[in-house]
Amino acid sequence: MTREEAIDIIQSILDKYEEDECLVTEITIGDEDIEALDMAIKALEQEPILDKIRAEIDTKYGQCDICEYFEDYDYEENDISEYRPIGDIADILQIIDKYKAESEG
């Protein structure tokens, strides 16, 4: 089941409920309905996990840079080997924030 299908099923349950709140007990919940509600619950549970991951990365590595190892072989001179900065932990946190915002919107 795709996310869009799950949204459609949940919306149809809500539409049935809005038509007549007194008939809520007459709504039959099928396997697809249960699967869609399970997916919705899992999605809601994932948000705090992303917050925890973000907080732990920030706490443990917040002041660290991200580097790549660079080697250059120059036969006339010495070999050049060094670490070059390519980013920092804030870049990783921005990626987490981007996907968190997408999942909320």
Protein backbone atom coordinates (compact mmCIF):
# COMPACT_ATOMS: atom_id res chain seq x y z
CA MET A 1 0.00 0.00 0.00
CA THR A 2 1.30 3.43 -0.91
CA ARG A 3 1.13 6.53 1.29
CA GLU A 4 -1.46 8.04 -1.04
CA GLU A 5 -3.68 4.96 -0.78
CA ALA A 6 -3.40 5.06 3.00
CA ILE A 7 -4.41 8.74 3.03
CA ASP A 8 -7.42 7.99 0.80
CA ILE A 9 -8.60 5.18 3.08
CA ILE A 10 -8.22 7.28 6.22
CA GLN A 11 -10.05 10.14 4.52
CA SER A 12 -12.92 7.83 3.55
CA ILE A 13 -13.21 6.67 7.19
CA LEU A 14 -13.35 10.32 8.28
CA ASP A 15 -15.92 11.11 5.60
CA LYS A 16 -18.17 8.27 6.82
CA TYR A 17 -17.82 9.57 10.36
CA GLU A 18 -18.65 13.15 9.36
CA GLU A 19 -21.80 12.05 7.50
CA ASP A 20 -23.45 10.80 10.67
CA GLU A 21 -21.59 10.55 13.96
CA CYS A 22 -24.38 8.39 15.37
CA LEU A 23 -23.65 5.66 12.83
CA VAL A 24 -20.00 5.26 13.78
CA THR A 25 -20.64 1.81 15.18
CA GLU A 26 -22.05 0.72 11.80
CA ILE A 27 -18.81 1.42 9.93
CA THR A 28 -17.13 -1.83 9.06
CA ILE A 29 -13.37 -1.69 9.36
CA GLY A 30 -11.64 -3.93 6.84
CA ASP A 31 -8.08 -5.18 6.56
CA GLU A 32 -7.07 -2.22 4.35
CA ASP A 33 -8.51 0.20 6.92
CA ILE A 34 -6.51 -1.41 9.71
CA GLU A 35 -3.35 -1.40 7.59
CA ALA A 36 -3.84 2.29 6.78
CA LEU A 37 -4.36 3.19 10.44
CA ASP A 38 -1.27 1.17 11.37
CA MET A 39 0.76 3.11 8.79
CA ALA A 40 -0.56 6.39 10.19
CA ILE A 41 0.41 5.38 13.71
CA LYS A 42 3.91 4.38 12.57
CA ALA A 43 4.34 7.68 10.76
CA LEU A 44 3.30 9.60 13.85
CA GLU A 45 5.71 7.58 15.97
CA GLN A 46 8.65 8.32 13.67
CA GLU A 47 8.74 12.07 14.35
CA PRO A 48 10.04 11.80 17.91
CA ILE A 49 12.67 9.32 16.71
CA LEU A 50 14.00 11.87 14.21
CA ASP A 51 14.12 14.46 16.98
CA LYS A 52 16.09 12.08 19.20
CA ILE A 53 18.53 11.22 16.39
CA ARG A 54 19.03 14.90 15.60
CA ALA A 55 19.60 15.81 19.25
CA GLU A 56 22.12 13.00 19.76
CA ILE A 57 24.10 13.92 16.62
CA ASP A 58 24.11 17.57 17.64
CA THR A 59 25.19 16.77 21.21
CA LYS A 60 27.97 14.34 20.35
CA TYR A 61 29.27 15.82 17.10
CA GLY A 62 27.87 19.36 16.90
CA GLN A 63 31.28 21.03 16.74
CA CYS A 64 32.84 18.58 14.27
CA ASP A 65 33.70 19.17 10.65
CA ILE A 66 33.18 16.65 7.88
CA CYS A 67 36.36 16.05 5.91
CA GLU A 68 37.48 13.94 3.00
CA TYR A 69 40.89 12.42 2.63
CA PHE A 70 42.83 13.74 -0.35
CA GLU A 71 45.96 12.23 -1.84
CA ASP A 72 47.93 13.59 -4.73
CA TYR A 73 51.01 11.87 -6.09
CA ASP A 74 53.53 14.26 -7.49
CA TYR A 75 56.62 12.42 -8.69
CA GLU A 76 58.81 15.50 -8.66
CA GLU A 77 57.87 16.60 -5.16
CA ASN A 78 56.55 14.96 -2.03
CA ASP A 79 53.23 13.23 -2.01
CA ILE A 80 50.41 15.42 -0.77
CA SER A 81 48.01 13.82 1.68
CA GLU A 82 45.59 15.81 3.72
CA TYR A 83 42.09 16.06 5.06
CA ARG A 84 39.98 18.73 3.40
CA PRO A 85 36.82 20.08 5.04
CA ILE A 86 33.69 19.52 2.96
CA GLY A 87 31.03 20.44 5.51
CA ASP A 88 30.04 20.22 9.12
CA ILE A 89 27.45 18.59 11.33
CA ALA A 90 25.03 21.45 10.66
CA ASP A 91 24.80 20.15 7.07
CA ILE A 92 23.64 16.76 8.34
CA LEU A 93 21.13 18.38 10.69
CA GLN A 94 19.72 20.40 7.77
CA ILE A 95 19.12 17.17 5.84
CA ILE A 96 17.23 15.69 8.82
CA ASP A 97 15.20 18.90 9.16
CA LYS A 98 14.37 18.89 5.44
CA TYR A 99 12.94 15.37 5.51
CA LYS A 100 11.14 16.01 8.78
CA ALA A 101 9.46 19.08 7.25
CA GLU A 102 8.50 17.08 4.15
CA SER A 103 6.93 14.35 6.26
CA GLU A 104 4.91 16.91 8.22
CA GLY A 105 3.72 18.79 5.16
